[in-house]
Protein backbone atom coordinates (compact mmCIF):
# COMPACT_ATOMS: atom_id res chain seq x y z
CA MET A 1 -92.05 -86.29 16.32
CA GLU A 2 -94.54 -83.56 17.21
CA VAL A 3 -96.67 -81.25 15.10
CA GLY A 4 -94.64 -78.30 13.83
CA LYS A 5 -95.30 -74.93 15.43
CA LEU A 6 -97.22 -72.44 13.30
CA SER A 7 -94.55 -69.76 13.77
CA LYS A 8 -91.88 -72.08 12.36
CA ARG A 9 -94.10 -73.02 9.43
CA VAL A 10 -94.62 -69.34 8.58
CA TRP A 11 -90.86 -68.74 8.63
CA ALA A 12 -90.27 -71.86 6.54
CA TYR A 13 -92.84 -70.63 4.02
CA LEU A 14 -91.11 -67.25 3.80
CA PHE A 15 -87.73 -68.95 3.34
CA ASP A 16 -89.16 -71.04 0.49
CA ILE A 17 -90.64 -67.96 -1.20
CA ILE A 18 -87.28 -66.18 -1.00
CA ILE A 19 -85.49 -69.26 -2.37
CA VAL A 20 -87.87 -69.69 -5.31
CA THR A 21 -87.75 -65.96 -6.06
CA GLY A 22 -83.94 -66.01 -6.05
CA ILE A 23 -83.79 -69.05 -8.32
CA TYR A 24 -86.35 -67.43 -10.63
CA ALA A 25 -84.19 -64.29 -10.76
CA GLY A 26 -81.17 -66.43 -11.59
CA ILE A 27 -83.04 -68.09 -14.46
CA LEU A 28 -83.95 -64.66 -15.85
CA VAL A 29 -80.27 -63.69 -15.78
CA VAL A 30 -79.35 -66.84 -17.70
CA LEU A 31 -82.08 -66.21 -20.28
CA HIS A 32 -80.90 -62.62 -20.64
CA ALA A 33 -77.33 -63.83 -21.18
CA LEU A 34 -78.64 -66.16 -23.90
CA GLY A 35 -80.20 -63.19 -25.71
CA LYS A 36 -83.80 -63.72 -24.64
CA ASP A 37 -86.03 -60.70 -24.15
CA ILE A 38 -86.97 -60.20 -20.49
CA PRO A 39 -90.12 -58.04 -20.20
CA ILE A 40 -89.01 -56.07 -17.15
CA LYS A 41 -90.53 -52.85 -18.46
CA GLY A 42 -93.89 -54.50 -18.97
CA VAL A 43 -93.87 -55.94 -15.46
CA ILE A 44 -92.97 -52.56 -13.88
CA GLU A 45 -95.65 -50.84 -15.95
CA ARG A 46 -98.10 -53.61 -14.92
CA ASN A 47 -98.78 -54.74 -18.46
CA PRO A 48 -101.42 -57.51 -18.13
CA ASN A 49 -99.75 -59.87 -20.61
CA ASP A 50 -96.29 -59.51 -19.08
CA LEU A 51 -97.67 -59.86 -15.55
CA ALA A 52 -99.59 -62.98 -16.55
CA LEU A 53 -96.43 -64.46 -18.08
CA MET A 54 -94.45 -63.68 -14.94
CA TYR A 55 -97.07 -65.20 -12.63
CA LEU A 56 -97.36 -68.29 -14.82
CA THR A 57 -93.64 -68.98 -15.07
CA PHE A 58 -93.03 -68.24 -11.40
CA GLY A 59 -95.93 -70.51 -10.44
CA LEU A 60 -94.59 -73.36 -12.59
CA LEU A 61 -91.13 -73.01 -11.04
CA TYR A 62 -92.61 -72.98 -7.53
CA LEU A 63 -94.70 -76.05 -8.39
CA PHE A 64 -91.68 -77.95 -9.66
CA TYR A 65 -89.70 -76.89 -6.58
CA GLU A 66 -92.36 -78.15 -4.17
CA VAL A 67 -93.07 -81.44 -5.95
CA ALA A 68 -89.38 -82.25 -6.47
CA PHE A 69 -88.41 -81.77 -2.82
CA LEU A 70 -91.56 -83.30 -1.30
CA SER A 71 -91.10 -86.39 -3.49
CA SER A 72 -87.45 -86.74 -2.47
CA ASN A 73 -86.10 -88.75 0.45
CA PHE A 74 -86.11 -85.56 2.55
CA SER A 75 -89.90 -85.22 2.17
CA THR A 76 -89.60 -81.51 2.83
CA THR A 77 -88.61 -78.24 1.19
CA PRO A 78 -85.34 -76.35 1.85
CA GLY A 79 -87.23 -73.73 3.87
CA LYS A 80 -88.55 -76.44 6.16
CA LEU A 81 -85.15 -78.13 6.26
CA ILE A 82 -83.68 -74.99 7.82
CA LEU A 83 -86.15 -75.28 10.71
CA ASN A 84 -86.09 -79.11 10.90
CA LEU A 85 -89.66 -79.51 9.68
CA GLN A 86 -90.87 -82.46 7.62
CA VAL A 87 -94.06 -83.20 5.69
CA ILE A 88 -95.48 -86.56 6.80
CA SER A 89 -98.17 -88.37 4.83
CA CYS A 90 -100.96 -90.03 6.81
CA LYS A 91 -101.20 -92.71 4.12
CA LYS A 92 -98.94 -94.19 1.49
CA SER A 93 -97.44 -91.12 -0.13
CA THR A 94 -97.44 -90.75 -3.92
CA ILE A 95 -96.18 -88.10 -6.30
CA PHE A 96 -99.84 -87.36 -7.10
CA ASP A 97 -100.43 -86.36 -3.46
CA ALA A 98 -97.38 -84.10 -3.57
CA LEU A 99 -98.69 -82.57 -6.81
CA ILE A 100 -102.14 -81.87 -5.31
CA ARG A 101 -100.65 -80.35 -2.18
CA SER A 102 -98.23 -78.23 -4.18
CA CYS A 103 -100.84 -77.03 -6.70
CA ILE A 104 -103.12 -75.73 -3.95
CA LYS A 105 -100.21 -74.07 -2.16
CA VAL A 106 -98.84 -72.44 -5.34
CA VAL A 107 -102.25 -71.09 -6.41
CA ALA A 108 -102.76 -69.71 -2.91
CA THR A 109 -99.31 -68.08 -3.00
CA LEU A 110 -99.98 -66.36 -6.31
CA THR A 111 -103.10 -64.77 -4.82
CA GLN A 112 -100.89 -63.39 -2.01
CA ILE A 113 -103.55 -63.04 0.71
CA VAL A 114 -104.83 -66.65 0.72
CA PRO A 115 -101.76 -68.17 2.45
CA VAL A 116 -102.48 -65.95 5.45
CA ILE A 117 -106.03 -67.34 5.57
CA PHE A 118 -104.68 -70.90 5.27
CA PHE A 119 -102.34 -70.40 8.22
CA ILE A 120 -105.12 -68.88 10.33
CA LEU A 121 -107.48 -71.77 9.52
CA SER A 122 -104.79 -74.32 10.44
CA ILE A 123 -104.92 -73.06 14.04
CA PHE A 124 -108.39 -74.59 14.42
CA THR A 125 -107.55 -78.06 13.03
CA ALA A 126 -106.48 -80.99 15.20
CA ASN A 127 -103.01 -81.41 13.69
CA LYS A 128 -102.54 -77.80 12.57
CA GLN A 129 -103.23 -78.79 8.97
CA ALA A 130 -103.59 -76.10 6.31
CA VAL A 131 -106.01 -76.58 3.41
CA HIS A 132 -103.30 -78.10 1.20
CA ASP A 133 -102.39 -80.51 4.03
CA ILE A 134 -106.01 -81.62 4.41
CA ALA A 135 -106.34 -82.15 0.65
CA ALA A 136 -103.19 -84.30 0.48
CA ASP A 137 -103.69 -85.86 3.96
CA THR A 138 -100.34 -84.64 5.23
CA ILE A 139 -99.05 -83.18 8.50
CA VAL A 140 -96.06 -80.90 9.01
CA MET A 141 -94.00 -82.36 11.84
CA GLN A 142 -91.03 -81.14 13.86
CA ARG A 143 -88.04 -83.40 13.31
CA LYS A 144 -86.32 -84.35 16.53
CA LYS A 145 -82.66 -85.22 16.68
CA ARG A 146 -82.64 -88.97 17.03
CA ARG A 147 -80.21 -90.60 19.38
CA VAL A 148 -77.94 -93.39 18.22
CA VAL A 149 -75.69 -95.60 20.30
CA ARG A 150 -71.97 -95.64 19.69
CA THR A 151 -69.58 -97.93 21.52
CA THR A 152 -66.40 -96.66 23.11
CA ASN A 153 -62.92 -97.73 22.06
CA ARG A 154 -62.43 -99.81 25.19
CA ASP A 155 -62.06 -103.57 24.65
CA PRO A 156 -65.40 -105.15 25.76
CA SER A 157 -63.66 -108.42 26.72
CA VAL A 158 -61.77 -106.54 29.47
CA ASP A 159 -65.02 -105.22 30.92
CA LEU A 160 -66.57 -108.67 30.75
CA PHE A 161 -63.64 -110.37 32.50
CA GLU A 162 -63.42 -107.76 35.27
CA GLU A 163 -67.16 -107.85 35.92
CA MET A 164 -67.15 -111.66 36.02
CA LYS A 165 -64.46 -111.61 38.71
CA ARG A 166 -66.27 -108.91 40.68
CA ARG A 167 -69.54 -110.83 40.72
CA GLY A 168 -67.96 -114.24 41.12
CA LEU A 169 -69.80 -115.72 38.14
CA LYS A 170 -68.87 -119.26 37.20
CA THR A 171 -71.63 -120.90 35.15
CA TYR A 172 -71.87 -120.43 31.38
CA SER A 173 -75.45 -119.14 31.54
CA GLU A 174 -74.46 -116.45 34.03
CA GLN A 175 -71.56 -115.38 31.82
CA VAL A 176 -73.82 -115.16 28.73
CA ALA A 177 -76.35 -113.07 30.65
CA LEU A 178 -73.60 -110.73 31.81
CA ALA A 179 -72.23 -110.39 28.27
CA LYS A 180 -75.67 -109.36 26.99
CA GLU A 181 -76.03 -106.87 29.84
CA LEU A 182 -72.68 -105.26 29.10
CA ASN A 183 -73.36 -105.08 25.36
CA LEU A 184 -76.62 -103.26 26.02
CA TYR A 185 -75.72 -100.90 28.80
CA LYS A 186 -72.02 -100.69 29.55
CA GLY A 187 -69.26 -98.78 27.79
CA LYS A 188 -71.61 -96.88 25.47
CA LYS A 189 -72.51 -93.29 24.88
CA GLN A 190 -75.11 -91.44 22.86
CA ALA A 191 -74.58 -88.99 20.03
CA ALA A 192 -77.04 -86.96 18.04
CA THR A 193 -77.61 -87.77 14.38
CA PRO A 194 -76.55 -84.95 12.03
CA SER A 195 -79.14 -82.42 10.88
CA TYR A 196 -79.66 -81.48 7.23
CA ALA A 197 -80.47 -77.87 8.07
CA TRP A 198 -77.13 -76.94 6.49
CA LEU A 199 -78.46 -78.07 3.11
CA GLY A 200 -81.46 -75.75 3.39
CA VAL A 201 -79.17 -72.88 4.41
CA LEU A 202 -76.88 -73.61 1.46
CA ILE A 203 -79.79 -73.48 -1.01
CA PHE A 204 -81.02 -70.29 0.67
CA VAL A 205 -77.60 -68.63 0.25
CA PHE A 206 -77.49 -69.77 -3.37
CA SER A 207 -80.85 -68.10 -4.04
CA ILE A 208 -79.63 -64.84 -2.46
CA VAL A 209 -76.57 -64.91 -4.74
CA CYS A 210 -78.87 -65.41 -7.76
CA ALA A 211 -80.97 -62.43 -6.68
CA MET A 212 -77.85 -60.28 -6.32
CA PHE A 213 -76.77 -61.21 -9.86
CA PHE A 214 -80.23 -60.23 -11.09
CA VAL A 215 -80.02 -56.81 -9.45
CA SER A 216 -76.51 -56.21 -10.82
CA PHE A 217 -77.59 -57.18 -14.35
CA PHE A 218 -80.84 -55.22 -14.50
CA TYR A 219 -80.33 -52.38 -12.03
CA SER A 220 -79.69 -49.70 -14.66
CA ASP A 221 -82.67 -50.87 -16.75
CA ILE A 222 -84.99 -50.98 -13.76
CA LYS A 223 -83.85 -47.51 -12.62
CA ALA A 224 -84.34 -46.03 -16.08
CA ILE A 225 -87.78 -47.62 -16.54
CA ALA A 226 -88.92 -46.62 -13.05
CA SER A 227 -87.88 -43.02 -13.64
CA THR A 228 -89.92 -42.79 -16.86
CA VAL A 229 -92.94 -44.39 -15.18
CA THR A 230 -92.93 -41.92 -12.27
CA MET A 231 -92.55 -38.86 -14.54
């Protein structure tokens, strides 16, 4: 593995923001369908209470999203999965470390401009660590496609017998040595292990669908409220 490129990390961050926003929009649609009041007007009119509620609930969802995926076996978020990035802990990883890292990242995201500063500062660190990485002692790494060995369908005993005749081997020790050599190097090919980028793409598409449902549900309300605000 090698340290993930900053450009890929920025794109992964944007993918994660889009995913969380889409899921958040989907939750609002569900709440609306259940008869809950969604303060869209207050948010458009920049009502402090409604804005604070939106930032709080969005931040909690983003926090849960980060902690849940970083604590999973993937040890990465869907946005990073798309670009084959993984968060590696420099020590024994715990859910508390994931919580600390996620809290700092979420608070920075809600302030909007701070993530840009974090990414700029990471350029000057040894392992391109952002502030939340330094706090949790983590590094974002580029996952490489590992190579695994797969044997061919050819009967290995045939290869062994033919090679024994070709070399003129007679003693048992020579035959054992040849068998080990063939098992390690002959009649094998390499294949790449599958990537889980498809899972990140699937979650990304799901979030886009949720956002589209949100727009279809609230488009008329948003248009009406926006027209009264601009008048």
